[in-house]
Structures are given as structure tokens and as C-alpha cells.
Amino acid sequence: MVNQVNLIDKQEHIELAARALKSISHPLRLKILCVLGDQEACVQEIVDAVGTSQSNISQHLAILRDKGVLVTRKDANRVYYRVGDSRILLLIGMMQDVFCRT
């Protein structure tokens, strides 16, 4: 019998991890999260940094917000986005270590 290591031991944790990974798995959403990091930014700042249309960015921001990855703060007529769960930043940092280090 193979010695099995339980990296994630509870079904609820597996489902939470899968939802988080699914929500950030799109290249544009991952890029948005990398642009935000531990800062907050309004839609136009994200559009300028990512380089695609505002409607496209807004669509992906809505997905990330609906999945609980991003939280918002409204200031006058601007909405500011930031990563709402520090574990997402930790995960992105680990992906950077694995995929971006030479």
C-alpha cells in the first residue's frame, strides 16, 4: 500500500482551495491580482497597468469580487479594489517562487 500524505485533510478545505484556484486560474485575473498585490487600486489604474479594455477588466473584477477574492471600497465616484484574503497573496507569492525564479 502506498504511504499517502494528506496535504489537505478536510473536504471543506479541499473545496475552499479548489474555489480559490479556479477563481484565479484565468491569466487576466492572475495578472490583476499581481498588479494589486497588497495595495488597492481603482478600475482605471488596473486598466492602465494590465493593458486591456475597461469592460474586460470590470468583468474579471466582478468574478473575483463574487468569489470573495477581492473586496471593494467606494470613494465618491470611484471604486477601489484590494485582495481581501491574505492567503491569496501568499499563494501568488508561492507561484512566483515556483514559476518566475530562474
PDB file of N, CA and C in Angstrom:
ATOM      1  N   MET A   1       0.847  -1.183   0.000  1.00  0.00           N
ATOM      2  CA  MET A   1       0.000   0.000   0.000  1.00  0.00           C
ATOM      3  C   MET A   1       0.893   1.247   0.000  1.00  0.00           C
ATOM      4  N   VAL A   2       0.516   2.230  -0.763  1.00  0.00           N
ATOM      5  CA  VAL A   2       1.272   3.468  -0.888  1.00  0.00           C
ATOM      6  C   VAL A   2       1.034   4.329   0.351  1.00  0.00           C
ATOM      7  N   ASN A   3       2.120   4.884   0.895  1.00  0.00           N
ATOM      8  CA  ASN A   3       2.011   5.793   2.017  1.00  0.00           C
ATOM      9  C   ASN A   3       1.491   7.127   1.497  1.00  0.00           C
ATOM     10  N   GLN A   4       0.261   7.487   1.891  1.00  0.00           N
ATOM     11  CA  GLN A   4      -0.385   8.682   1.365  1.00  0.00           C
ATOM     12  C   GLN A   4      -0.233   9.837   2.350  1.00  0.00           C
ATOM     13  N   VAL A   5       0.211  10.970   1.859  1.00  0.00           N
ATOM     14  CA  VAL A   5       0.354  12.164   2.680  1.00  0.00           C
ATOM     15  C   VAL A   5      -0.886  13.016   2.478  1.00  0.00           C
ATOM     16  N   ASN A   6      -1.533  13.391   3.552  1.00  0.00           N
ATOM     17  CA  ASN A   6      -2.716  14.243   3.466  1.00  0.00           C
ATOM     18  C   ASN A   6      -2.294  15.704   3.515  1.00  0.00           C
ATOM     19  N   LEU A   7      -2.117  16.293   2.352  1.00  0.00           N
ATOM     20  CA  LEU A   7      -1.744  17.701   2.297  1.00  0.00           C
ATOM     21  C   LEU A   7      -2.915  18.584   2.729  1.00  0.00           C
ATOM     22  N   ILE A   8      -4.095  18.217   2.310  1.00  0.00           N
ATOM     23  CA  ILE A   8      -5.314  18.902   2.739  1.00  0.00           C
ATOM     24  C   ILE A   8      -6.216  17.812   3.289  1.00  0.00           C
ATOM     25  N   ASP A   9      -6.541  17.902   4.561  1.00  0.00           N
ATOM     26  CA  ASP A   9      -7.170  16.766   5.213  1.00  0.00           C
ATOM     27  C   ASP A   9      -8.683  16.834   5.364  1.00  0.00           C
ATOM     28  N   LYS A  10      -9.305  17.964   5.086  1.00  0.00           N
ATOM     29  CA  LYS A  10     -10.755  18.067   5.240  1.00  0.00           C
ATOM     30  C   LYS A  10     -11.395  18.443   3.917  1.00  0.00           C
ATOM     31  N   GLN A  11     -12.539  17.872   3.643  1.00  0.00           N
ATOM     32  CA  GLN A  11     -13.255  18.139   2.394  1.00  0.00           C
ATOM     33  C   GLN A  11     -13.545  19.633   2.243  1.00  0.00           C
ATOM     34  N   GLU A  12     -13.912  20.307   3.305  1.00  0.00           N
ATOM     35  CA  GLU A  12     -14.218  21.740   3.210  1.00  0.00           C
ATOM     36  C   GLU A  12     -12.981  22.542   2.815  1.00  0.00           C
ATOM     37  N   HIS A  13     -11.807  22.106   3.267  1.00  0.00           N
ATOM     38  CA  HIS A  13     -10.569  22.791   2.888  1.00  0.00           C
ATOM     39  C   HIS A  13     -10.229  22.532   1.427  1.00  0.00           C
ATOM     40  N   ILE A  14     -10.482  21.318   0.967  1.00  0.00           N
ATOM     41  CA  ILE A  14     -10.254  20.990  -0.440  1.00  0.00           C
ATOM     42  C   ILE A  14     -11.148  21.840  -1.327  1.00  0.00           C
ATOM     43  N   GLU A  15     -12.417  21.970  -0.944  1.00  0.00           N
ATOM     44  CA  GLU A  15     -13.352  22.762  -1.744  1.00  0.00           C
ATOM     45  C   GLU A  15     -12.973  24.242  -1.737  1.00  0.00           C
ATOM     46  N   LEU A  16     -12.544  24.755  -0.591  1.00  0.00           N
ATOM     47  CA  LEU A  16     -12.110  26.144  -0.496  1.00  0.00           C
ATOM     48  C   LEU A  16     -10.888  26.392  -1.379  1.00  0.00           C
ATOM     49  N   ALA A  17      -9.929  25.488  -1.318  1.00  0.00           N
ATOM     50  CA  ALA A  17      -8.722  25.617  -2.141  1.00  0.00           C
ATOM     51  C   ALA A  17      -9.066  25.545  -3.624  1.00  0.00           C
ATOM     52  N   ALA A  18      -9.945  24.632  -3.993  1.00  0.00           N
ATOM     53  CA  ALA A  18     -10.333  24.488  -5.397  1.00  0.00           C
ATOM     54  C   ALA A  18     -11.041  25.746  -5.905  1.00  0.00           C
ATOM     55  N   ARG A  19     -11.930  26.316  -5.094  1.00  0.00           N
ATOM     56  CA  ARG A  19     -12.621  27.554  -5.494  1.00  0.00           C
ATOM     57  C   ARG A  19     -11.630  28.699  -5.669  1.00  0.00           C
ATOM     58  N   ALA A  20     -10.675  28.806  -4.741  1.00  0.00           N
ATOM     59  CA  ALA A  20      -9.679  29.876  -4.845  1.00  0.00           C
ATOM     60  C   ALA A  20      -8.844  29.709  -6.107  1.00  0.00           C
ATOM     61  N   LEU A  21      -8.384  28.495  -6.353  1.00  0.00           N
ATOM     62  CA  LEU A  21      -7.567  28.246  -7.545  1.00  0.00           C
ATOM     63  C   LEU A  21      -8.356  28.487  -8.819  1.00  0.00           C
ATOM     64  N   LYS A  22      -9.610  28.072  -8.838  1.00  0.00           N
ATOM     65  CA  LYS A  22     -10.445  28.266 -10.023  1.00  0.00           C
ATOM     66  C   LYS A  22     -10.652  29.762 -10.285  1.00  0.00           C
ATOM     67  N   SER A  23     -10.875  30.525  -9.233  1.00  0.00           N
ATOM     68  CA  SER A  23     -11.158  31.948  -9.423  1.00  0.00           C
ATOM     69  C   SER A  23      -9.944  32.722  -9.921  1.00  0.00           C
ATOM     70  N   ILE A  24      -8.743  32.265  -9.610  1.00  0.00           N
ATOM     71  CA  ILE A  24      -7.543  32.988 -10.053  1.00  0.00           C
ATOM     72  C   ILE A  24      -6.862  32.327 -11.242  1.00  0.00           C
ATOM     73  N   SER A  25      -7.459  31.261 -11.778  1.00  0.00           N
ATOM     74  CA  SER A  25      -6.784  30.489 -12.820  1.00  0.00           C
ATOM     75  C   SER A  25      -6.756  31.164 -14.191  1.00  0.00           C
ATOM     76  N   HIS A  26      -7.588  32.149 -14.423  1.00  0.00           N
ATOM     77  CA  HIS A  26      -7.581  32.841 -15.713  1.00  0.00           C
ATOM     78  C   HIS A  26      -6.374  33.783 -15.756  1.00  0.00           C
ATOM     79  N   PRO A  27      -5.629  33.796 -16.862  1.00  0.00           N
ATOM     80  CA  PRO A  27      -4.423  34.637 -16.933  1.00  0.00           C
ATOM     81  C   PRO A  27      -4.663  36.109 -16.618  1.00  0.00           C
ATOM     82  N   LEU A  28      -5.769  36.663 -17.076  1.00  0.00           N
ATOM     83  CA  LEU A  28      -6.031  38.079 -16.825  1.00  0.00           C
ATOM     84  C   LEU A  28      -6.343  38.322 -15.345  1.00  0.00           C
ATOM     85  N   ARG A  29      -7.091  37.413 -14.734  1.00  0.00           N
ATOM     86  CA  ARG A  29      -7.394  37.572 -13.305  1.00  0.00           C
ATOM     87  C   ARG A  29      -6.123  37.442 -12.473  1.00  0.00           C
ATOM     88  N   LEU A  30      -5.253  36.533 -12.840  1.00  0.00           N
ATOM     89  CA  LEU A  30      -3.988  36.389 -12.129  1.00  0.00           C
ATOM     90  C   LEU A  30      -3.143  37.653 -12.287  1.00  0.00           C
ATOM     91  N   LYS A  31      -3.152  38.219 -13.482  1.00  0.00           N
ATOM     92  CA  LYS A  31      -2.404  39.455 -13.722  1.00  0.00           C
ATOM     93  C   LYS A  31      -2.973  40.604 -12.887  1.00  0.00           C
ATOM     94  N   ILE A  32      -4.293  40.694 -12.793  1.00  0.00           N
ATOM     95  CA  ILE A  32      -4.934  41.724 -11.969  1.00  0.00           C
ATOM     96  C   ILE A  32      -4.469  41.585 -10.523  1.00  0.00           C
ATOM     97  N   LEU A  33      -4.455  40.363 -10.020  1.00  0.00           N
ATOM     98  CA  LEU A  33      -4.040  40.132  -8.640  1.00  0.00           C
ATOM     99  C   LEU A  33      -2.567  40.483  -8.437  1.00  0.00           C
ATOM    100  N   CYS A  34      -1.742  40.186  -9.426  1.00  0.00           N
ATOM    101  CA  CYS A  34      -0.324  40.549  -9.345  1.00  0.00           C
ATOM    102  C   CYS A  34      -0.144  42.058  -9.354  1.00  0.00           C
ATOM    103  N   VAL A  35      -0.952  42.761 -10.138  1.00  0.00           N
ATOM    104  CA  VAL A  35      -0.899  44.224 -10.186  1.00  0.00           C
ATOM    105  C   VAL A  35      -1.326  44.807  -8.839  1.00  0.00           C
ATOM    106  N   LEU A  36      -2.376  44.252  -8.254  1.00  0.00           N
ATOM    107  CA  LEU A  36      -2.862  44.767  -6.977  1.00  0.00           C
ATOM    108  C   LEU A  36      -1.892  44.466  -5.838  1.00  0.00           C
ATOM    109  N   GLY A  37      -1.406  43.236  -5.780  1.00  0.00           N
ATOM    110  CA  GLY A  37      -0.550  42.852  -4.660  1.00  0.00           C
ATOM    111  C   GLY A  37      -1.230  43.183  -3.352  1.00  0.00           C
ATOM    112  N   ASP A  38      -0.512  43.834  -2.449  1.00  0.00           N
ATOM    113  CA  ASP A  38      -1.117  44.188  -1.166  1.00  0.00           C
ATOM    114  C   ASP A  38      -1.591  45.643  -1.135  1.00  0.00           C
ATOM    115  N   GLN A  39      -1.774  46.237  -2.321  1.00  0.00           N
ATOM    116  CA  GLN A  39      -2.256  47.614  -2.450  1.00  0.00           C
ATOM    117  C   GLN A  39      -3.707  47.601  -2.916  1.00  0.00           C
ATOM    118  N   GLU A  40      -4.293  48.769  -2.992  1.00  0.00           N
ATOM    119  CA  GLU A  40      -5.610  48.896  -3.599  1.00  0.00           C
ATOM    120  C   GLU A  40      -5.497  49.800  -4.810  1.00  0.00           C
ATOM    121  N   ALA A  41      -6.427  49.613  -5.752  1.00  0.00           N
ATOM    122  CA  ALA A  41      -6.406  50.422  -6.973  1.00  0.00           C
ATOM    123  C   ALA A  41      -7.822  50.541  -7.514  1.00  0.00           C
ATOM    124  N   CYS A  42      -8.062  51.627  -8.225  1.00  0.00           N
ATOM    125  CA  CYS A  42      -9.351  51.792  -8.893  1.00  0.00           C
ATOM    126  C   CYS A  42      -9.286  51.113 -10.266  1.00  0.00           C
ATOM    127  N   VAL A  43     -10.430  51.003 -10.902  1.00  0.00           N
ATOM    128  CA  VAL A  43     -10.522  50.296 -12.178  1.00  0.00           C
ATOM    129  C   VAL A  43      -9.573  50.895 -13.209  1.00  0.00           C
ATOM    130  N   GLN A  44      -9.539  52.216 -13.319  1.00  0.00           N
ATOM    131  CA  GLN A  44      -8.696  52.840 -14.337  1.00  0.00           C
ATOM    132  C   GLN A  44      -7.220  52.547 -14.107  1.00  0.00           C
ATOM    133  N   GLU A  45      -6.793  52.534 -12.862  1.00  0.00           N
ATOM    134  CA  GLU A  45      -5.398  52.199 -12.561  1.00  0.00           C
ATOM    135  C   GLU A  45      -5.089  50.758 -12.965  1.00  0.00           C
ATOM    136  N   ILE A  46      -6.040  49.875 -12.752  1.00  0.00           N
ATOM    137  CA  ILE A  46      -5.853  48.469 -13.136  1.00  0.00           C
ATOM    138  C   ILE A  46      -5.829  48.342 -14.653  1.00  0.00           C
ATOM    139  N   VAL A  47      -6.736  49.043 -15.331  1.00  0.00           N
ATOM    140  CA  VAL A  47      -6.765  49.039 -16.798  1.00  0.00           C
ATOM    141  C   VAL A  47      -5.428  49.512 -17.351  1.00  0.00           C
ATOM    142  N   ASP A  48      -4.914  50.609 -16.816  1.00  0.00           N
ATOM    143  CA  ASP A  48      -3.638  51.158 -17.289  1.00  0.00           C
ATOM    144  C   ASP A  48      -2.491  50.170 -17.079  1.00  0.00           C
ATOM    145  N   ALA A  49      -2.499  49.475 -15.949  1.00  0.00           N
ATOM    146  CA  ALA A  49      -1.408  48.546 -15.634  1.00  0.00           C
ATOM    147  C   ALA A  49      -1.498  47.252 -16.431  1.00  0.00           C
ATOM    148  N   VAL A  50      -2.723  46.784 -16.677  1.00  0.00           N
ATOM    149  CA  VAL A  50      -2.918  45.491 -17.341  1.00  0.00           C
ATOM    150  C   VAL A  50      -2.937  45.643 -18.853  1.00  0.00           C
ATOM    151  N   GLY A  51      -3.523  46.732 -19.341  1.00  0.00           N
ATOM    152  CA  GLY A  51      -3.499  46.996 -20.770  1.00  0.00           C
ATOM    153  C   GLY A  51      -4.588  46.318 -21.571  1.00  0.00           C
ATOM    154  N   THR A  52      -5.794  46.302 -21.076  1.00  0.00           N
ATOM    155  CA  THR A  52      -6.932  45.801 -21.831  1.00  0.00           C
ATOM    156  C   THR A  52      -8.106  46.746 -21.591  1.00  0.00           C
ATOM    157  N   SER A  53      -9.256  46.439 -22.163  1.00  0.00           N
ATOM    158  CA  SER A  53     -10.388  47.355 -22.069  1.00  0.00           C
ATOM    159  C   SER A  53     -10.981  47.395 -20.663  1.00  0.00           C
ATOM    160  N   GLN A  54     -11.620  48.510 -20.363  1.00  0.00           N
ATOM    161  CA  GLN A  54     -12.247  48.659 -19.055  1.00  0.00           C
ATOM    162  C   GLN A  54     -13.370  47.649 -18.873  1.00  0.00           C
ATOM    163  N   SER A  55     -14.124  47.387 -19.921  1.00  0.00           N
ATOM    164  CA  SER A  55     -15.224  46.417 -19.784  1.00  0.00           C
ATOM    165  C   SER A  55     -14.692  45.016 -19.490  1.00  0.00           C
ATOM    166  N   ASN A  56     -13.581  44.655 -20.104  1.00  0.00           N
ATOM    167  CA  ASN A  56     -12.977  43.351 -19.853  1.00  0.00           C
ATOM    168  C   ASN A  56     -12.473  43.258 -18.410  1.00  0.00           C
ATOM    169  N   ILE A  57     -11.777  44.300 -17.954  1.00  0.00           N
ATOM    170  CA  ILE A  57     -11.285  44.333 -16.576  1.00  0.00           C
ATOM    171  C   ILE A  57     -12.461  44.273 -15.603  1.00  0.00           C
ATOM    172  N   SER A  58     -13.487  45.067 -15.853  1.00  0.00           N
ATOM    173  CA  SER A  58     -14.646  45.100 -14.954  1.00  0.00           C
ATOM    174  C   SER A  58     -15.304  43.733 -14.836  1.00  0.00           C
ATOM    175  N   GLN A  59     -15.374  43.012 -15.942  1.00  0.00           N
ATOM    176  CA  GLN A  59     -15.959  41.669 -15.930  1.00  0.00           C
ATOM    177  C   GLN A  59     -15.146  40.736 -15.023  1.00  0.00           C
ATOM    178  N   HIS A  60     -13.838  40.785 -15.135  1.00  0.00           N
ATOM    179  CA  HIS A  60     -12.996  39.916 -14.320  1.00  0.00           C
ATOM    180  C   HIS A  60     -12.956  40.366 -12.856  1.00  0.00           C
ATOM    181  N   LEU A  61     -13.007  41.668 -12.622  1.00  0.00           N
ATOM    182  CA  LEU A  61     -13.081  42.161 -11.247  1.00  0.00           C
ATOM    183  C   LEU A  61     -14.367  41.676 -10.571  1.00  0.00           C
ATOM    184  N   ALA A  62     -15.458  41.662 -11.325  1.00  0.00           N
ATOM    185  CA  ALA A  62     -16.729  41.185 -10.773  1.00  0.00           C
ATOM    186  C   ALA A  62     -16.636  39.708 -10.378  1.00  0.00           C
ATOM    187  N   ILE A  63     -15.980  38.912 -11.194  1.00  0.00           N
ATOM    188  CA  ILE A  63     -15.807  37.489 -10.870  1.00  0.00           C
ATOM    189  C   ILE A  63     -14.992  37.339  -9.596  1.00  0.00           C
ATOM    190  N   LEU A  64     -13.886  38.059  -9.510  1.00  0.00           N
ATOM    191  CA  LEU A  64     -13.024  37.978  -8.325  1.00  0.00           C
ATOM    192  C   LEU A  64     -13.746  38.483  -7.078  1.00  0.00           C
ATOM    193  N   ARG A  65     -14.559  39.492  -7.243  1.00  0.00           N
ATOM    194  CA  ARG A  65     -15.335  40.017  -6.108  1.00  0.00           C
ATOM    195  C   ARG A  65     -16.410  39.015  -5.682  1.00  0.00           C
ATOM    196  N   ASP A  66     -17.117  38.450  -6.656  1.00  0.00           N
ATOM    197  CA  ASP A  66     -18.172  37.474  -6.353  1.00  0.00           C
ATOM    198  C   ASP A  66     -17.634  36.227  -5.669  1.00  0.00           C
ATOM    199  N   LYS A  67     -16.395  35.857  -5.990  1.00  0.00           N
ATOM    200  CA  LYS A  67     -15.773  34.678  -5.383  1.00  0.00           C
ATOM    201  C   LYS A  67     -15.116  34.992  -4.045  1.00  0.00           C
ATOM    202  N   GLY A  68     -15.173  36.261  -3.631  1.00  0.00           N
ATOM    203  CA  GLY A  68     -14.623  36.643  -2.345  1.00  0.00           C
ATOM    204  C   GLY A  68     -13.125  36.881  -2.344  1.00  0.00           C
ATOM    205  N   VAL A  69     -12.519  36.930  -3.530  1.00  0.00           N
ATOM    206  CA  VAL A  69     -11.077  37.160  -3.621  1.00  0.00           C
ATOM    207  C   VAL A  69     -10.771  38.643  -3.429  1.00  0.00           C
ATOM    208  N   LEU A  70     -11.607  39.509  -3.991  1.00  0.00           N
ATOM    209  CA  LEU A  70     -11.418  40.951  -3.875  1.00  0.00           C
ATOM    210  C   LEU A  70     -12.516  41.574  -3.019  1.00  0.00           C
ATOM    211  N   VAL A  71     -12.164  42.646  -2.339  1.00  0.00           N
ATOM    212  CA  VAL A  71     -13.135  43.473  -1.635  1.00  0.00           C
ATOM    213  C   VAL A  71     -13.028  44.878  -2.204  1.00  0.00           C
ATOM    214  N   THR A  72     -14.090  45.642  -2.012  1.00  0.00           N
ATOM    215  CA  THR A  72     -14.132  46.980  -2.593  1.00  0.00           C
ATOM    216  C   THR A  72     -14.343  48.041  -1.518  1.00  0.00           C
ATOM    217  N   ARG A  73     -13.951  49.234  -1.898  1.00  0.00           N
ATOM    218  CA  ARG A  73     -14.196  50.424  -1.093  1.00  0.00           C
ATOM    219  C   ARG A  73     -14.580  51.526  -2.055  1.00  0.00           C
ATOM    220  N   LYS A  74     -15.714  52.167  -1.796  1.00  0.00           N
ATOM    221  CA  LYS A  74     -16.176  53.237  -2.672  1.00  0.00           C
ATOM    222  C   LYS A  74     -15.778  54.576  -2.071  1.00  0.00           C
ATOM    223  N   ASP A  75     -15.217  55.441  -2.924  1.00  0.00           N
ATOM    224  CA  ASP A  75     -14.830  56.787  -2.528  1.00  0.00           C
ATOM    225  C   ASP A  75     -15.328  57.732  -3.609  1.00  0.00           C
ATOM    226  N   ALA A  76     -16.369  58.478  -3.293  1.00  0.00           N
ATOM    227  CA  ALA A  76     -17.045  59.354  -4.256  1.00  0.00           C
ATOM    228  C   ALA A  76     -17.513  58.507  -5.443  1.00  0.00           C
ATOM    229  N   ASN A  77     -17.002  58.781  -6.650  1.00  0.00           N
ATOM    230  CA  ASN A  77     -17.457  58.021  -7.815  1.00  0.00           C
ATOM    231  C   ASN A  77     -16.480  56.919  -8.221  1.00  0.00           C
ATOM    232  N   ARG A  78     -15.490  56.635  -7.391  1.00  0.00           N
ATOM    233  CA  ARG A  78     -14.514  55.585  -7.704  1.00  0.00           C
ATOM    234  C   ARG A  78     -14.680  54.396  -6.765  1.00  0.00           C
ATOM    235  N   VAL A  79     -14.453  53.228  -7.332  1.00  0.00           N
ATOM    236  CA  VAL A  79     -14.454  52.002  -6.546  1.00  0.00           C
ATOM    237  C   VAL A  79     -13.017  51.491  -6.518  1.00  0.00           C
ATOM    238  N   TYR A  80     -12.519  51.233  -5.339  1.00  0.00           N
ATOM    239  CA  TYR A  80     -11.164  50.723  -5.159  1.00  0.00           C
ATOM    240  C   TYR A  80     -11.226  49.247  -4.806  1.00  0.00           C
ATOM    241  N   TYR A  81     -10.336  48.480  -5.416  1.00  0.00           N
ATOM    242  CA  TYR A  81     -10.286  47.034  -5.215  1.00  0.00           C
ATOM    243  C   TYR A  81      -9.007  46.660  -4.491  1.00  0.00           C
ATOM    244  N   ARG A  82      -9.111  45.650  -3.629  1.00  0.00           N
ATOM    245  CA  ARG A  82      -7.933  45.088  -2.987  1.00  0.00           C
ATOM    246  C   ARG A  82      -8.204  43.617  -2.700  1.00  0.00           C
ATOM    247  N   VAL A  83      -7.131  42.867  -2.540  1.00  0.00           N
ATOM    248  CA  VAL A  83      -7.244  41.449  -2.218  1.00  0.00           C
ATOM    249  C   VAL A  83      -7.764  41.353  -0.785  1.00  0.00           C
ATOM    250  N   GLY A  84      -8.836  40.609  -0.606  1.00  0.00           N
ATOM    251  CA  GLY A  84      -9.488  40.540   0.689  1.00  0.00           C
ATOM    252  C   GLY A  84      -8.997  39.424   1.594  1.00  0.00           C
ATOM    253  N   ASP A  85      -8.237  38.504   1.049  1.00  0.00           N
ATOM    254  CA  ASP A  85      -7.772  37.360   1.829  1.00  0.00           C
ATOM    255  C   ASP A  85      -6.263  37.244   1.640  1.00  0.00           C
ATOM    256  N   SER A  86      -5.524  37.440   2.698  1.00  0.00           N
ATOM    257  CA  SER A  86      -4.059  37.436   2.601  1.00  0.00           C
ATOM    258  C   SER A  86      -3.509  36.091   2.135  1.00  0.00           C
ATOM    259  N   ARG A  87      -4.291  35.027   2.269  1.00  0.00           N
ATOM    260  CA  ARG A  87      -3.835  33.716   1.793  1.00  0.00           C
ATOM    261  C   ARG A  87      -3.674  33.702   0.282  1.00  0.00           C
ATOM    262  N   ILE A  88      -4.480  34.502  -0.417  1.00  0.00           N
ATOM    263  CA  ILE A  88      -4.356  34.609  -1.874  1.00  0.00           C
ATOM    264  C   ILE A  88      -2.997  35.213  -2.222  1.00  0.00           C
ATOM    265  N   LEU A  89      -2.589  36.240  -1.483  1.00  0.00           N
ATOM    266  CA  LEU A  89      -1.284  36.849  -1.727  1.00  0.00           C
ATOM    267  C   LEU A  89      -0.161  35.872  -1.436  1.00  0.00           C
ATOM    268  N   LEU A  90      -0.329  35.081  -0.411  1.00  0.00           N
ATOM    269  CA  LEU A  90       0.655  34.051  -0.078  1.00  0.00           C
ATOM    270  C   LEU A  90       0.758  33.031  -1.211  1.00  0.00           C
ATOM    271  N   LEU A  91      -0.394  32.619  -1.732  1.00  0.00           N
ATOM    272  CA  LEU A  91      -0.438  31.671  -2.843  1.00  0.00           C
ATOM    273  C   LEU A  91       0.236  32.251  -4.088  1.00  0.00           C
ATOM    274  N   ILE A  92      -0.042  33.503  -4.402  1.00  0.00           N
ATOM    275  CA  ILE A  92       0.574  34.145  -5.566  1.00  0.00           C
ATOM    276  C   ILE A  92       2.084  34.248  -5.366  1.00  0.00           C
ATOM    277  N   GLY A  93       2.502  34.566  -4.149  1.00  0.00           N
ATOM    278  CA  GLY A  93       3.931  34.615  -3.856  1.00  0.00           C
ATOM    279  C   GLY A  93       4.603  33.273  -4.062  1.00  0.00           C
ATOM    280  N   MET A  94       3.925  32.209  -3.658  1.00  0.00           N
ATOM    281  CA  MET A  94       4.481  30.863  -3.865  1.00  0.00           C
ATOM    282  C   MET A  94       4.552  30.529  -5.348  1.00  0.00           C
ATOM    283  N   MET A  95       3.518  30.918  -6.101  1.00  0.00           N
ATOM    284  CA  MET A  95       3.545  30.667  -7.548  1.00  0.00           C
ATOM    285  C   MET A  95       4.680  31.441  -8.196  1.00  0.00           C
ATOM    286  N   GLN A  96       4.925  32.646  -7.726  1.00  0.00           N
ATOM    287  CA  GLN A  96       6.034  33.443  -8.253  1.00  0.00           C
ATOM    288  C   GLN A  96       7.354  32.735  -7.968  1.00  0.00           C
ATOM    289  N   ASP A  97       7.522  32.213  -6.757  1.00  0.00           N
ATOM    290  CA  ASP A  97       8.745  31.487  -6.420  1.00  0.00           C
ATOM    291  C   ASP A  97       8.935  30.275  -7.316  1.00  0.00           C
ATOM    292  N   VAL A  98       7.867  29.562  -7.594  1.00  0.00           N
ATOM    293  CA  VAL A  98       7.956  28.336  -8.375  1.00  0.00           C
ATOM    294  C   VAL A  98       8.130  28.611  -9.870  1.00  0.00           C
ATOM    295  N   PHE A  99       7.373  29.565 -10.399  1.00  0.00           N
ATOM    296  CA  PHE A  99       7.324  29.758 -11.852  1.00  0.00           C
ATOM    297  C   PHE A  99       8.167  30.912 -12.382  1.00  0.00           C
ATOM    298  N   CYS A 100       8.565  31.850 -11.534  1.00  0.00           N
ATOM    299  CA  CYS A 100       9.237  33.048 -12.037  1.00  0.00           C
ATOM    300  C   CYS A 100      10.701  33.155 -11.656  1.00  0.00           C
ATOM    301  N   ARG A 101      11.142  32.378 -10.733  1.00  0.00           N
ATOM    302  CA  ARG A 101      12.555  32.434 -10.316  1.00  0.00           C
ATOM    303  C   ARG A 101      13.413  31.646 -11.299  1.00  0.00           C
ATOM    304  N   THR A 102      14.563  32.208 -11.634  1.00  0.00           N
ATOM    305  CA  THR A 102      15.441  31.493 -12.560  1.00  0.00           C
ATOM    306  C   THR A 102      16.639  30.935 -11.828  1.00  0.00           C
TER     307      THR A 102
END
